[in-house]
Amino acid sequence: MRLNTLHYTPGTRKNKKRVGRGNGSGHGTYSGRGMKGQKARAGLNIRPGFEGGQNPLIKKLPEQRGFTNIFRTEYAVVSVGSLDIFESGSEVTPEELIAAGLVKNISKPVKILADGEIKHPLTIKAHKFSAAAKAKIEAAGGTIEEVQFASTAD
């Protein structure tokens, strides 16, 4: 095999559209730009969302503006009140929460929120705690321990 004998497979390379080369080419006269108007002229620059001066759709829907933070951390949320199913003095880990059916899997870090009441002391290991949840757990005589989240995607 030699470099000068290599060829592209037929059909993989497409010729560039050459506009304005006569009507016989199929792209003559108006060169695929239609007839007249702003879009037919050279130097066209219309910003995205511009609707020719009429009130744009994005201004009619103010609640759609803003942005979505793609770096946001999503948590698997567990309320303090649902931890009453564990026995007094037991250690609650993310694995225990999965076994109890409070969390589906460990693809997201577990966060404990202060919804509900806890009646007995527990040792709770989770990735994050709300301030009010910490207060409720410690008031019931329990202890908290924040563990690092080991991402399963890595």
C-alpha atoms as a PDB file:
ATOM      1  CA  MET A   1       0.000   0.000   0.000  1.00  0.00           C
ATOM      2  CA  ARG A   2       1.282   3.442  -0.899  1.00  0.00           C
ATOM      3  CA  LEU A   3       0.030   6.875   0.110  1.00  0.00           C
ATOM      4  CA  ASN A   4      -0.517   7.872  -3.508  1.00  0.00           C
ATOM      5  CA  THR A   5      -2.905   4.937  -3.979  1.00  0.00           C
ATOM      6  CA  LEU A   6      -5.204   5.841  -1.037  1.00  0.00           C
ATOM      7  CA  HIS A   7      -8.632   7.204  -1.968  1.00  0.00           C
ATOM      8  CA  TYR A   8     -11.751   8.195  -0.084  1.00  0.00           C
ATOM      9  CA  THR A   9     -14.600   5.721  -0.182  1.00  0.00           C
ATOM     10  CA  PRO A  10     -17.083   6.834  -2.862  1.00  0.00           C
ATOM     11  CA  GLY A  11     -19.915   8.833  -1.310  1.00  0.00           C
ATOM     12  CA  THR A  12     -18.011   9.991   1.781  1.00  0.00           C
ATOM     13  CA  ARG A  13     -16.848  13.299   0.294  1.00  0.00           C
ATOM     14  CA  LYS A  14     -19.371  15.833  -0.976  1.00  0.00           C
ATOM     15  CA  ASN A  15     -18.517  18.726  -3.284  1.00  0.00           C
ATOM     16  CA  LYS A  16     -18.902  22.245  -1.885  1.00  0.00           C
ATOM     17  CA  LYS A  17     -22.005  24.128  -3.060  1.00  0.00           C
ATOM     18  CA  ARG A  18     -20.732  26.735  -5.561  1.00  0.00           C
ATOM     19  CA  VAL A  19     -23.383  29.437  -5.771  1.00  0.00           C
ATOM     20  CA  GLY A  20     -23.599  32.193  -8.372  1.00  0.00           C
ATOM     21  CA  ARG A  21     -22.032  30.124 -11.145  1.00  0.00           C
ATOM     22  CA  GLY A  22     -24.875  30.279 -13.637  1.00  0.00           C
ATOM     23  CA  ASN A  23     -28.347  28.751 -13.857  1.00  0.00           C
ATOM     24  CA  GLY A  24     -26.952  25.505 -15.222  1.00  0.00           C
ATOM     25  CA  SER A  25     -25.398  24.808 -11.816  1.00  0.00           C
ATOM     26  CA  GLY A  26     -28.793  24.927 -10.099  1.00  0.00           C
ATOM     27  CA  HIS A  27     -27.565  27.755  -7.857  1.00  0.00           C
ATOM     28  CA  GLY A  28     -27.519  30.715 -10.203  1.00  0.00           C
ATOM     29  CA  THR A  29     -29.405  34.045 -10.312  1.00  0.00           C
ATOM     30  CA  TYR A  30     -30.405  34.402  -6.612  1.00  0.00           C
ATOM     31  CA  SER A  31     -27.838  31.865  -5.315  1.00  0.00           C
ATOM     32  CA  GLY A  32     -30.304  30.178  -2.968  1.00  0.00           C
ATOM     33  CA  ARG A  33     -31.131  33.435  -1.126  1.00  0.00           C
ATOM     34  CA  GLY A  34     -34.615  34.006  -2.492  1.00  0.00           C
ATOM     35  CA  MET A  35     -35.641  37.444  -3.734  1.00  0.00           C
ATOM     36  CA  LYS A  36     -34.649  40.753  -2.110  1.00  0.00           C
ATOM     37  CA  GLY A  37     -34.898  41.633   1.553  1.00  0.00           C
ATOM     38  CA  GLN A  38     -32.433  41.779   4.433  1.00  0.00           C
ATOM     39  CA  LYS A  39     -31.522  38.096   4.242  1.00  0.00           C
ATOM     40  CA  ALA A  40     -30.655  38.371   0.559  1.00  0.00           C
ATOM     41  CA  ARG A  41     -28.018  41.067   1.174  1.00  0.00           C
ATOM     42  CA  ALA A  42     -24.354  40.633   1.977  1.00  0.00           C
ATOM     43  CA  GLY A  43     -23.186  41.220   5.564  1.00  0.00           C
ATOM     44  CA  LEU A  44     -26.302  39.739   7.160  1.00  0.00           C
ATOM     45  CA  ASN A  45     -26.139  39.842  10.957  1.00  0.00           C
ATOM     46  CA  ILE A  46     -29.407  39.285  12.805  1.00  0.00           C
ATOM     47  CA  ARG A  47     -29.018  38.439  16.479  1.00  0.00           C
ATOM     48  CA  PRO A  48     -30.774  35.296  17.770  1.00  0.00           C
ATOM     49  CA  GLY A  49     -34.334  36.018  18.881  1.00  0.00           C
ATOM     50  CA  PHE A  50     -34.721  39.154  16.718  1.00  0.00           C
ATOM     51  CA  GLU A  51     -38.202  39.216  15.175  1.00  0.00           C
ATOM     52  CA  GLY A  52     -37.991  42.191  12.827  1.00  0.00           C
ATOM     53  CA  GLY A  53     -38.805  44.794  15.460  1.00  0.00           C
ATOM     54  CA  GLN A  54     -41.964  43.231  16.862  1.00  0.00           C
ATOM     55  CA  ASN A  55     -41.963  42.340  20.537  1.00  0.00           C
ATOM     56  CA  PRO A  56     -39.884  39.145  20.718  1.00  0.00           C
ATOM     57  CA  LEU A  57     -41.263  35.958  22.211  1.00  0.00           C
ATOM     58  CA  ILE A  58     -38.597  35.965  24.942  1.00  0.00           C
ATOM     59  CA  LYS A  59     -39.905  39.343  26.175  1.00  0.00           C
ATOM     60  CA  LYS A  60     -43.483  38.061  26.207  1.00  0.00           C
ATOM     61  CA  LEU A  61     -42.453  35.181  28.509  1.00  0.00           C
ATOM     62  CA  PRO A  62     -40.482  36.842  31.318  1.00  0.00           C
ATOM     63  CA  GLU A  63     -40.496  33.723  33.506  1.00  0.00           C
ATOM     64  CA  GLN A  64     -38.463  31.875  30.870  1.00  0.00           C
ATOM     65  CA  ARG A  65     -35.488  34.213  31.160  1.00  0.00           C
ATOM     66  CA  GLY A  66     -32.472  33.652  33.362  1.00  0.00           C
ATOM     67  CA  PHE A  67     -30.216  30.632  33.307  1.00  0.00           C
ATOM     68  CA  THR A  68     -29.788  27.120  34.685  1.00  0.00           C
ATOM     69  CA  ASN A  69     -26.624  26.473  36.644  1.00  0.00           C
ATOM     70  CA  ILE A  70     -25.122  23.336  35.074  1.00  0.00           C
ATOM     71  CA  PHE A  71     -22.691  22.938  37.992  1.00  0.00           C
ATOM     72  CA  ARG A  72     -25.472  22.688  40.597  1.00  0.00           C
ATOM     73  CA  THR A  73     -25.159  19.830  43.081  1.00  0.00           C
ATOM     74  CA  GLU A  74     -28.340  17.762  43.332  1.00  0.00           C
ATOM     75  CA  TYR A  75     -28.870  15.885  46.576  1.00  0.00           C
ATOM     76  CA  ALA A  76     -30.862  12.819  47.551  1.00  0.00           C
ATOM     77  CA  VAL A  77     -32.935  14.409  50.319  1.00  0.00           C
ATOM     78  CA  VAL A  78     -33.929  12.599  53.526  1.00  0.00           C
ATOM     79  CA  SER A  79     -36.013  14.236  56.248  1.00  0.00           C
ATOM     80  CA  VAL A  80     -35.162  13.879  59.938  1.00  0.00           C
ATOM     81  CA  GLY A  81     -38.665  12.582  60.676  1.00  0.00           C
ATOM     82  CA  SER A  82     -38.201   9.555  58.405  1.00  0.00           C
ATOM     83  CA  LEU A  83     -35.108   8.463  60.401  1.00  0.00           C
ATOM     84  CA  ASP A  84     -37.363   7.278  63.269  1.00  0.00           C
ATOM     85  CA  ILE A  85     -37.569   3.845  61.596  1.00  0.00           C
ATOM     86  CA  PHE A  86     -34.030   3.083  62.822  1.00  0.00           C
ATOM     87  CA  GLU A  87     -33.467   1.677  66.302  1.00  0.00           C
ATOM     88  CA  SER A  88     -32.232   3.948  69.083  1.00  0.00           C
ATOM     89  CA  GLY A  89     -28.441   4.300  69.158  1.00  0.00           C
ATOM     90  CA  SER A  90     -27.903   2.726  65.723  1.00  0.00           C
ATOM     91  CA  GLU A  91     -25.557   4.113  63.063  1.00  0.00           C
ATOM     92  CA  VAL A  92     -27.271   5.426  59.933  1.00  0.00           C
ATOM     93  CA  THR A  93     -25.119   5.495  56.767  1.00  0.00           C
ATOM     94  CA  PRO A  94     -26.089   6.158  53.133  1.00  0.00           C
ATOM     95  CA  GLU A  95     -26.023   2.364  52.567  1.00  0.00           C
ATOM     96  CA  GLU A  96     -28.478   1.891  55.444  1.00  0.00           C
ATOM     97  CA  LEU A  97     -30.763   4.524  53.924  1.00  0.00           C
ATOM     98  CA  ILE A  98     -30.813   2.582  50.641  1.00  0.00           C
ATOM     99  CA  ALA A  99     -31.612  -0.664  52.460  1.00  0.00           C
ATOM    100  CA  ALA A 100     -34.472   1.098  54.288  1.00  0.00           C
ATOM    101  CA  GLY A 101     -35.824   2.478  50.978  1.00  0.00           C
ATOM    102  CA  LEU A 102     -35.372   6.151  51.908  1.00  0.00           C
ATOM    103  CA  VAL A 103     -32.820   6.729  49.105  1.00  0.00           C
ATOM    104  CA  LYS A 104     -32.885   5.026  45.690  1.00  0.00           C
ATOM    105  CA  ASN A 105     -29.123   4.812  45.088  1.00  0.00           C
ATOM    106  CA  ILE A 106     -25.858   6.576  45.905  1.00  0.00           C
ATOM    107  CA  SER A 107     -25.495   8.360  42.562  1.00  0.00           C
ATOM    108  CA  LYS A 108     -26.255  11.636  44.385  1.00  0.00           C
ATOM    109  CA  PRO A 109     -24.896  12.839  47.731  1.00  0.00           C
ATOM    110  CA  VAL A 110     -27.290  12.437  50.670  1.00  0.00           C
ATOM    111  CA  LYS A 111     -28.531  15.540  52.497  1.00  0.00           C
ATOM    112  CA  ILE A 112     -30.486  15.428  55.757  1.00  0.00           C
ATOM    113  CA  LEU A 113     -33.182  18.113  56.124  1.00  0.00           C
ATOM    114  CA  ALA A 114     -35.086  19.173  59.253  1.00  0.00           C
ATOM    115  CA  ASP A 115     -38.586  18.119  58.167  1.00  0.00           C
ATOM    116  CA  GLY A 116     -40.329  16.212  60.977  1.00  0.00           C
ATOM    117  CA  GLU A 117     -39.135  15.260  64.458  1.00  0.00           C
ATOM    118  CA  ILE A 118     -36.601  12.716  65.720  1.00  0.00           C
ATOM    119  CA  LYS A 119     -37.375  11.101  69.085  1.00  0.00           C
ATOM    120  CA  HIS A 120     -34.314   8.964  69.876  1.00  0.00           C
ATOM    121  CA  PRO A 121     -30.524   9.367  69.517  1.00  0.00           C
ATOM    122  CA  LEU A 122     -28.859   8.154  66.317  1.00  0.00           C
ATOM    123  CA  THR A 123     -25.377   8.380  64.848  1.00  0.00           C
ATOM    124  CA  ILE A 124     -25.994   9.726  61.346  1.00  0.00           C
ATOM    125  CA  LYS A 125     -23.381   9.718  58.590  1.00  0.00           C
ATOM    126  CA  ALA A 126     -24.328  11.726  55.501  1.00  0.00           C
ATOM    127  CA  HIS A 127     -22.731  14.036  52.960  1.00  0.00           C
ATOM    128  CA  LYS A 128     -24.558  17.208  54.025  1.00  0.00           C
ATOM    129  CA  PHE A 129     -26.852  18.418  56.839  1.00  0.00           C
ATOM    130  CA  SER A 130     -29.027  21.500  57.086  1.00  0.00           C
ATOM    131  CA  ALA A 131     -28.362  23.668  60.152  1.00  0.00           C
ATOM    132  CA  ALA A 132     -31.844  22.987  61.549  1.00  0.00           C
ATOM    133  CA  ALA A 133     -31.411  19.214  61.021  1.00  0.00           C
ATOM    134  CA  LYS A 134     -28.106  19.296  62.940  1.00  0.00           C
ATOM    135  CA  ALA A 135     -29.846  21.080  65.821  1.00  0.00           C
ATOM    136  CA  LYS A 136     -32.737  18.569  65.937  1.00  0.00           C
ATOM    137  CA  ILE A 137     -30.448  15.516  65.848  1.00  0.00           C
ATOM    138  CA  GLU A 138     -28.158  16.880  68.568  1.00  0.00           C
ATOM    139  CA  ALA A 139     -31.163  17.941  70.669  1.00  0.00           C
ATOM    140  CA  ALA A 140     -32.382  14.329  70.581  1.00  0.00           C
ATOM    141  CA  GLY A 141     -28.953  13.197  71.867  1.00  0.00           C
ATOM    142  CA  GLY A 142     -27.657  11.966  68.509  1.00  0.00           C
ATOM    143  CA  THR A 143     -24.412  12.700  66.708  1.00  0.00           C
ATOM    144  CA  ILE A 144     -23.711  13.689  63.122  1.00  0.00           C
ATOM    145  CA  GLU A 145     -20.774  12.948  60.890  1.00  0.00           C
ATOM    146  CA  GLU A 146     -20.235  14.499  57.459  1.00  0.00           C
ATOM    147  CA  VAL A 147     -18.602  12.068  55.026  1.00  0.00           C
ATOM    148  CA  GLN A 148     -17.023  12.858  51.665  1.00  0.00           C
ATOM    149  CA  PHE A 149     -19.047  12.012  48.557  1.00  0.00           C
ATOM    150  CA  ALA A 150     -17.233   9.509  46.341  1.00  0.00           C
ATOM    151  CA  SER A 151     -18.697  10.016  42.864  1.00  0.00           C
ATOM    152  CA  THR A 152     -19.549   6.771  41.048  1.00  0.00           C
ATOM    153  CA  ALA A 153     -19.130   8.525  37.659  1.00  0.00           C
ATOM    154  CA  ASP A 154     -15.327   8.870  38.048  1.00  0.00           C
END
